[in-house]
Amino acid sequence: MFTGLVESTGRIISSSRNGEVMVLNIGDVQFAGELRKGDSVAVSGTCLTVRGMDRDSFSVEMMPETFGKTIFAETRPGYIVNLERSLALGGRFEGHIVTGHVDAVSRVLRVKKLGRTWEIDVELRSPDGKFLAKKGSVAIQGVSLTVMEKGDGFFRVGLIPETLERTSLKFLAEGTRVNVEYDIIAKYIENLLSGNGKTSERGLTREYLAEIGWE
């Protein structure tokens, strides 16, 4: 589990295929020397497993499914990524619960610079609107952000100076494609309400709650 609070940025050095597995090498990493093989690291919002490391770089492996459904199918050497190690037991929890499982690759529709702060509009697929709420949380490129507005085909987030300074979001421009992960709590609630969780074939209704003793 991650929090969406970026520890460091890094730079993609190379990507290659090893059989069915994609290997990504990431350099200029502040905490690379502290990593161990098998550790989980969120790389621009994608949970990946460390396979090797040295003083200032590390490598990770990706299944074809992960590679094809994230921005990494489009990135090239030199691309700047956001990095966060998984939350240690007993660690301070800030941001929001981020799983590192990307829900969508979306386009930046608008960047509005307001002095030292920015407003960003991001493409929102119609079926995904149910996962977002004003003042709720969303992760973009692995960064925990607050939803300012939700409209027809877009949602808006704000970037404060600290976020712009410490993350790759300062490189966003109209048309940039980004990894998006919706709040896991919203996804579980939708699963229950729709009946996909097998709570009831009718979904989570008032009548069903009464039947099982919640009156």
C-alpha atoms as a PDB file:
ATOM      1  CA  MET A   1       0.000   0.000   0.000  1.00  0.00           C
ATOM      2  CA  PHE A   2       1.119   3.547  -0.768  1.00  0.00           C
ATOM      3  CA  THR A   3      -0.026   7.015   0.268  1.00  0.00           C
ATOM      4  CA  GLY A   4       0.494   9.101  -2.857  1.00  0.00           C
ATOM      5  CA  LEU A   5       3.223  11.190  -1.205  1.00  0.00           C
ATOM      6  CA  VAL A   6       6.215  11.107  -3.544  1.00  0.00           C
ATOM      7  CA  GLU A   7       9.616  10.455  -1.934  1.00  0.00           C
ATOM      8  CA  SER A   8      11.779  11.087  -4.953  1.00  0.00           C
ATOM      9  CA  THR A   9      11.750  11.371  -8.698  1.00  0.00           C
ATOM     10  CA  GLY A  10      13.810   9.205 -11.002  1.00  0.00           C
ATOM     11  CA  ARG A  11      14.654   8.904 -14.681  1.00  0.00           C
ATOM     12  CA  ILE A  12      13.990   5.966 -16.980  1.00  0.00           C
ATOM     13  CA  ILE A  13      17.350   4.762 -18.230  1.00  0.00           C
ATOM     14  CA  SER A  14      16.131   1.938 -20.441  1.00  0.00           C
ATOM     15  CA  SER A  15      13.383  -0.609 -21.012  1.00  0.00           C
ATOM     16  CA  SER A  16      13.738  -4.064 -22.509  1.00  0.00           C
ATOM     17  CA  ARG A  17      11.897  -7.341 -22.895  1.00  0.00           C
ATOM     18  CA  ASN A  18      13.021 -10.534 -21.160  1.00  0.00           C
ATOM     19  CA  GLY A  19      10.720 -13.178 -22.592  1.00  0.00           C
ATOM     20  CA  GLU A  20       7.199 -12.148 -21.587  1.00  0.00           C
ATOM     21  CA  VAL A  21       8.461  -9.742 -18.938  1.00  0.00           C
ATOM     22  CA  MET A  22       9.289  -6.074 -19.469  1.00  0.00           C
ATOM     23  CA  VAL A  23      12.290  -4.769 -17.527  1.00  0.00           C
ATOM     24  CA  LEU A  24      12.528  -1.087 -16.623  1.00  0.00           C
ATOM     25  CA  ASN A  25      15.760   0.490 -15.382  1.00  0.00           C
ATOM     26  CA  ILE A  26      15.377   3.691 -13.349  1.00  0.00           C
ATOM     27  CA  GLY A  27      18.232   6.004 -12.359  1.00  0.00           C
ATOM     28  CA  ASP A  28      18.909   9.179 -10.346  1.00  0.00           C
ATOM     29  CA  VAL A  29      17.074   7.649  -7.367  1.00  0.00           C
ATOM     30  CA  GLN A  30      17.854   9.106  -3.933  1.00  0.00           C
ATOM     31  CA  PHE A  31      16.925   5.979  -1.962  1.00  0.00           C
ATOM     32  CA  ALA A  32      18.133   3.298  -4.390  1.00  0.00           C
ATOM     33  CA  GLY A  33      20.853   2.146  -1.973  1.00  0.00           C
ATOM     34  CA  GLU A  34      18.210   1.389   0.674  1.00  0.00           C
ATOM     35  CA  LEU A  35      16.181  -0.954  -1.554  1.00  0.00           C
ATOM     36  CA  ARG A  36      16.193  -4.726  -1.385  1.00  0.00           C
ATOM     37  CA  LYS A  37      15.247  -7.270  -4.010  1.00  0.00           C
ATOM     38  CA  GLY A  38      11.500  -7.928  -3.820  1.00  0.00           C
ATOM     39  CA  ASP A  39      10.596  -4.499  -2.415  1.00  0.00           C
ATOM     40  CA  SER A  40       7.518  -2.763  -3.822  1.00  0.00           C
ATOM     41  CA  VAL A  41       7.906   0.706  -5.319  1.00  0.00           C
ATOM     42  CA  ALA A  42       5.196   2.838  -6.897  1.00  0.00           C
ATOM     43  CA  VAL A  43       6.636   4.155 -10.167  1.00  0.00           C
ATOM     44  CA  SER A  44       4.420   7.018 -11.346  1.00  0.00           C
ATOM     45  CA  GLY A  45       1.537   5.281  -9.594  1.00  0.00           C
ATOM     46  CA  THR A  46       2.245   1.725 -10.750  1.00  0.00           C
ATOM     47  CA  CYS A  47       3.171  -0.835  -8.082  1.00  0.00           C
ATOM     48  CA  LEU A  48       6.288  -2.677  -9.303  1.00  0.00           C
ATOM     49  CA  THR A  49       8.720  -5.151  -7.734  1.00  0.00           C
ATOM     50  CA  VAL A  50      12.452  -4.464  -7.430  1.00  0.00           C
ATOM     51  CA  ARG A  51      14.620  -7.072  -9.170  1.00  0.00           C
ATOM     52  CA  GLY A  52      18.007  -5.408  -8.781  1.00  0.00           C
ATOM     53  CA  MET A  53      19.617  -2.228  -7.500  1.00  0.00           C
ATOM     54  CA  ASP A  54      22.861  -0.309  -7.036  1.00  0.00           C
ATOM     55  CA  ARG A  55      23.854   2.989  -5.434  1.00  0.00           C
ATOM     56  CA  ASP A  56      21.575   5.297  -7.438  1.00  0.00           C
ATOM     57  CA  SER A  57      19.416   3.096  -9.688  1.00  0.00           C
ATOM     58  CA  PHE A  58      17.175   0.056  -9.618  1.00  0.00           C
ATOM     59  CA  SER A  59      15.300  -2.189 -12.031  1.00  0.00           C
ATOM     60  CA  VAL A  60      11.753  -3.548 -11.951  1.00  0.00           C
ATOM     61  CA  GLU A  61       9.765  -6.112 -13.908  1.00  0.00           C
ATOM     62  CA  MET A  62       6.316  -5.734 -15.469  1.00  0.00           C
ATOM     63  CA  MET A  63       3.843  -8.208 -16.845  1.00  0.00           C
ATOM     64  CA  PRO A  64       2.617  -7.414 -20.392  1.00  0.00           C
ATOM     65  CA  GLU A  65      -0.781  -6.500 -18.880  1.00  0.00           C
ATOM     66  CA  THR A  66       0.792  -3.821 -16.684  1.00  0.00           C
ATOM     67  CA  PHE A  67       3.048  -2.513 -19.433  1.00  0.00           C
ATOM     68  CA  GLY A  68       0.215  -2.256 -21.960  1.00  0.00           C
ATOM     69  CA  LYS A  69      -2.283  -0.540 -19.671  1.00  0.00           C
ATOM     70  CA  THR A  70      -0.033   2.144 -18.183  1.00  0.00           C
ATOM     71  CA  ILE A  71       1.989   5.051 -19.546  1.00  0.00           C
ATOM     72  CA  PHE A  72       5.053   2.803 -19.749  1.00  0.00           C
ATOM     73  CA  ALA A  73       3.952   1.525 -23.136  1.00  0.00           C
ATOM     74  CA  GLU A  74       4.638   5.073 -24.386  1.00  0.00           C
ATOM     75  CA  THR A  75       7.624   6.289 -22.342  1.00  0.00           C
ATOM     76  CA  ARG A  76      11.208   6.588 -23.549  1.00  0.00           C
ATOM     77  CA  PRO A  77      14.628   6.902 -21.852  1.00  0.00           C
ATOM     78  CA  GLY A  78      14.858  10.201 -20.011  1.00  0.00           C
ATOM     79  CA  TYR A  79      11.213  10.171 -18.894  1.00  0.00           C
ATOM     80  CA  ILE A  80      10.874  11.448 -15.307  1.00  0.00           C
ATOM     81  CA  VAL A  81       8.898   9.237 -12.911  1.00  0.00           C
ATOM     82  CA  ASN A  82       7.544   9.714  -9.387  1.00  0.00           C
ATOM     83  CA  LEU A  83       8.729   7.181  -6.812  1.00  0.00           C
ATOM     84  CA  GLU A  84       7.310   6.037  -3.479  1.00  0.00           C
ATOM     85  CA  ARG A  85       8.231   3.006  -1.397  1.00  0.00           C
ATOM     86  CA  SER A  86       5.403   1.007   0.168  1.00  0.00           C
ATOM     87  CA  LEU A  87       4.160   2.189   3.556  1.00  0.00           C
ATOM     88  CA  ALA A  88       5.954   0.519   6.461  1.00  0.00           C
ATOM     89  CA  LEU A  89       3.857  -0.916   9.299  1.00  0.00           C
ATOM     90  CA  GLY A  90       3.587   1.805  11.925  1.00  0.00           C
ATOM     91  CA  GLY A  91       4.556   4.505   9.448  1.00  0.00           C
ATOM     92  CA  ARG A  92       2.820   7.850   9.390  1.00  0.00           C
ATOM     93  CA  PHE A  93      -0.183   7.705   7.084  1.00  0.00           C
ATOM     94  CA  GLU A  94      -0.910  10.830   5.038  1.00  0.00           C
ATOM     95  CA  GLY A  95      -2.299  11.341   1.530  1.00  0.00           C
ATOM     96  CA  HIS A  96      -4.827   8.553   0.897  1.00  0.00           C
ATOM     97  CA  ILE A  97      -4.823   4.801   0.271  1.00  0.00           C
ATOM     98  CA  VAL A  98      -3.124   4.183  -3.068  1.00  0.00           C
ATOM     99  CA  THR A  99      -2.773   0.598  -4.268  1.00  0.00           C
ATOM    100  CA  GLY A 100      -0.556   1.143  -7.301  1.00  0.00           C
ATOM    101  CA  HIS A 101      -3.132  -0.473  -9.605  1.00  0.00           C
ATOM    102  CA  VAL A 102      -3.768   1.967 -12.445  1.00  0.00           C
ATOM    103  CA  ASP A 103      -7.415   2.356 -13.501  1.00  0.00           C
ATOM    104  CA  ALA A 104      -6.959   4.498 -16.600  1.00  0.00           C
ATOM    105  CA  VAL A 105      -4.437   6.266 -18.781  1.00  0.00           C
ATOM    106  CA  SER A 106      -6.000   9.685 -19.361  1.00  0.00           C
ATOM    107  CA  ARG A 107      -5.046  12.882 -21.190  1.00  0.00           C
ATOM    108  CA  VAL A 108      -4.423  16.253 -19.599  1.00  0.00           C
ATOM    109  CA  LEU A 109      -7.028  18.526 -21.175  1.00  0.00           C
ATOM    110  CA  ARG A 110      -6.021  21.871 -19.691  1.00  0.00           C
ATOM    111  CA  VAL A 111      -3.266  23.419 -17.610  1.00  0.00           C
ATOM    112  CA  LYS A 112      -4.029  26.748 -15.968  1.00  0.00           C
ATOM    113  CA  LYS A 113      -1.111  28.424 -14.191  1.00  0.00           C
ATOM    114  CA  LEU A 114      -2.185  30.734 -11.382  1.00  0.00           C
ATOM    115  CA  GLY A 115       1.068  32.206 -10.186  1.00  0.00           C
ATOM    116  CA  ARG A 116       2.758  29.519  -8.077  1.00  0.00           C
ATOM    117  CA  THR A 117      -0.234  27.162  -8.189  1.00  0.00           C
ATOM    118  CA  TRP A 118      -1.742  25.266 -11.119  1.00  0.00           C
ATOM    119  CA  GLU A 119      -5.150  23.871 -11.971  1.00  0.00           C
ATOM    120  CA  ILE A 120      -5.202  20.733 -14.134  1.00  0.00           C
ATOM    121  CA  ASP A 121      -8.185  19.289 -16.017  1.00  0.00           C
ATOM    122  CA  VAL A 122      -7.888  15.569 -16.749  1.00  0.00           C
ATOM    123  CA  GLU A 123      -9.975  13.471 -19.129  1.00  0.00           C
ATOM    124  CA  LEU A 124     -12.677  11.426 -17.371  1.00  0.00           C
ATOM    125  CA  ARG A 125     -14.331   8.468 -19.040  1.00  0.00           C
ATOM    126  CA  SER A 126     -18.097   8.568 -18.508  1.00  0.00           C
ATOM    127  CA  PRO A 127     -18.371   5.259 -16.583  1.00  0.00           C
ATOM    128  CA  ASP A 128     -15.628   6.353 -14.177  1.00  0.00           C
ATOM    129  CA  GLY A 129     -17.413   9.459 -12.923  1.00  0.00           C
ATOM    130  CA  LYS A 130     -18.977   7.432 -10.113  1.00  0.00           C
ATOM    131  CA  PHE A 131     -15.566   6.948  -8.522  1.00  0.00           C
ATOM    132  CA  LEU A 132     -14.910  10.661  -8.040  1.00  0.00           C
ATOM    133  CA  ALA A 133     -16.453  13.187  -5.662  1.00  0.00           C
ATOM    134  CA  LYS A 134     -15.712  16.844  -5.071  1.00  0.00           C
ATOM    135  CA  LYS A 135     -13.114  17.108  -2.267  1.00  0.00           C
ATOM    136  CA  GLY A 136     -12.437  13.398  -2.656  1.00  0.00           C
ATOM    137  CA  SER A 137      -9.067  11.849  -3.528  1.00  0.00           C
ATOM    138  CA  VAL A 138      -7.480  10.683  -6.764  1.00  0.00           C
ATOM    139  CA  ALA A 139      -3.924   9.655  -7.678  1.00  0.00           C
ATOM    140  CA  ILE A 140      -2.321  11.084 -10.822  1.00  0.00           C
ATOM    141  CA  GLN A 141       1.121   9.715 -11.707  1.00  0.00           C
ATOM    142  CA  GLY A 142       1.142   8.311  -8.176  1.00  0.00           C
ATOM    143  CA  VAL A 143       0.527  11.694  -6.526  1.00  0.00           C
ATOM    144  CA  SER A 144      -2.359  11.991  -4.056  1.00  0.00           C
ATOM    145  CA  LEU A 145      -4.519  14.951  -5.097  1.00  0.00           C
ATOM    146  CA  THR A 146      -7.879  16.429  -4.135  1.00  0.00           C
ATOM    147  CA  VAL A 147     -10.694  16.659  -6.686  1.00  0.00           C
ATOM    148  CA  MET A 148     -11.716  20.307  -7.044  1.00  0.00           C
ATOM    149  CA  GLU A 149     -14.421  19.869  -9.661  1.00  0.00           C
ATOM    150  CA  LYS A 150     -16.001  17.123 -11.756  1.00  0.00           C
ATOM    151  CA  GLY A 151     -17.703  17.935 -15.059  1.00  0.00           C
ATOM    152  CA  ASP A 152     -18.775  16.383 -18.331  1.00  0.00           C
ATOM    153  CA  GLY A 153     -15.751  14.401 -19.476  1.00  0.00           C
ATOM    154  CA  PHE A 154     -13.215  15.891 -17.053  1.00  0.00           C
ATOM    155  CA  PHE A 155     -12.152  16.357 -13.453  1.00  0.00           C
ATOM    156  CA  ARG A 156     -10.010  19.137 -11.997  1.00  0.00           C
ATOM    157  CA  VAL A 157      -7.217  19.052  -9.435  1.00  0.00           C
ATOM    158  CA  GLY A 158      -4.988  21.733  -7.977  1.00  0.00           C
ATOM    159  CA  LEU A 159      -1.217  21.624  -7.613  1.00  0.00           C
ATOM    160  CA  ILE A 160       0.475  23.567  -4.829  1.00  0.00           C
ATOM    161  CA  PRO A 161       4.103  24.769  -5.093  1.00  0.00           C
ATOM    162  CA  GLU A 162       5.403  21.876  -2.941  1.00  0.00           C
ATOM    163  CA  THR A 163       3.833  19.314  -5.286  1.00  0.00           C
ATOM    164  CA  LEU A 164       5.182  21.068  -8.371  1.00  0.00           C
ATOM    165  CA  GLU A 165       8.671  21.231  -6.880  1.00  0.00           C
ATOM    166  CA  ARG A 166       8.910  17.625  -5.653  1.00  0.00           C
ATOM    167  CA  THR A 167       7.143  15.660  -8.412  1.00  0.00           C
ATOM    168  CA  SER A 168       7.075  15.177 -12.166  1.00  0.00           C
ATOM    169  CA  LEU A 169       3.720  16.972 -12.400  1.00  0.00           C
ATOM    170  CA  LYS A 170       5.582  20.185 -13.228  1.00  0.00           C
ATOM    171  CA  PHE A 171       6.150  18.681 -16.691  1.00  0.00           C
ATOM    172  CA  LEU A 172       2.437  18.250 -17.442  1.00  0.00           C
ATOM    173  CA  ALA A 173       1.081  19.978 -20.520  1.00  0.00           C
ATOM    174  CA  GLU A 174      -2.071  19.768 -22.602  1.00  0.00           C
ATOM    175  CA  GLY A 175      -2.165  16.338 -24.229  1.00  0.00           C
ATOM    176  CA  THR A 176       0.174  14.643 -21.732  1.00  0.00           C
ATOM    177  CA  ARG A 177      -1.023  11.145 -20.856  1.00  0.00           C
ATOM    178  CA  VAL A 178      -1.035  10.169 -17.186  1.00  0.00           C
ATOM    179  CA  ASN A 179      -1.706   7.164 -14.959  1.00  0.00           C
ATOM    180  CA  VAL A 180      -4.893   7.612 -12.927  1.00  0.00           C
ATOM    181  CA  GLU A 181      -6.000   5.561  -9.919  1.00  0.00           C
ATOM    182  CA  TYR A 182      -9.386   6.193  -8.311  1.00  0.00           C
ATOM    183  CA  ASP A 183      -9.978   5.899  -4.577  1.00  0.00           C
ATOM    184  CA  ILE A 184     -10.117   2.227  -3.563  1.00  0.00           C
ATOM    185  CA  ILE A 185     -12.898   2.967  -1.059  1.00  0.00           C
ATOM    186  CA  ALA A 186     -15.101   4.385  -3.835  1.00  0.00           C
ATOM    187  CA  LYS A 187     -14.420   1.294  -5.961  1.00  0.00           C
ATOM    188  CA  TYR A 188     -15.406  -1.094  -3.178  1.00  0.00           C
ATOM    189  CA  ILE A 189     -18.598   0.845  -2.445  1.00  0.00           C
ATOM    190  CA  GLU A 190     -19.527   0.792  -6.134  1.00  0.00           C
ATOM    191  CA  ASN A 191     -18.847  -2.948  -6.199  1.00  0.00           C
ATOM    192  CA  LEU A 192     -21.250  -3.506  -3.298  1.00  0.00           C
ATOM    193  CA  LEU A 193     -23.937  -1.189  -4.622  1.00  0.00           C
ATOM    194  CA  SER A 194     -23.885  -2.768  -8.063  1.00  0.00           C
ATOM    195  CA  GLY A 195     -24.139  -6.298  -6.702  1.00  0.00           C
ATOM    196  CA  ASN A 196     -20.790  -7.324  -8.184  1.00  0.00           C
ATOM    197  CA  GLY A 197     -19.659  -8.220  -4.688  1.00  0.00           C
ATOM    198  CA  LYS A 198     -22.443 -10.838  -4.570  1.00  0.00           C
ATOM    199  CA  THR A 199     -24.003  -9.143  -1.548  1.00  0.00           C
ATOM    200  CA  SER A 200     -27.324  -9.524  -3.290  1.00  0.00           C
ATOM    201  CA  GLU A 201     -28.400 -10.028  -6.868  1.00  0.00           C
ATOM    202  CA  ARG A 202     -30.317  -6.760  -6.471  1.00  0.00           C
ATOM    203  CA  GLY A 203     -27.325  -4.851  -5.164  1.00  0.00           C
ATOM    204  CA  LEU A 204     -27.172  -3.095  -1.789  1.00  0.00           C
ATOM    205  CA  THR A 205     -30.729  -1.794  -1.440  1.00  0.00           C
ATOM    206  CA  ARG A 206     -32.793  -0.560   1.528  1.00  0.00           C
ATOM    207  CA  GLU A 207     -34.977  -3.654   1.230  1.00  0.00           C
ATOM    208  CA  TYR A 208     -31.996  -5.999   1.256  1.00  0.00           C
ATOM    209  CA  LEU A 209     -30.528  -4.283   4.328  1.00  0.00           C
ATOM    210  CA  ALA A 210     -33.879  -4.710   6.127  1.00  0.00           C
ATOM    211  CA  GLU A 211     -33.928  -8.419   5.229  1.00  0.00           C
ATOM    212  CA  ILE A 212     -30.549  -9.012   6.868  1.00  0.00           C
ATOM    213  CA  GLY A 213     -31.444  -7.090  10.008  1.00  0.00           C
ATOM    214  CA  TRP A 214     -30.372  -3.504   9.299  1.00  0.00           C
ATOM    215  CA  GLU A 215     -33.508  -1.498   9.956  1.00  0.00           C
END
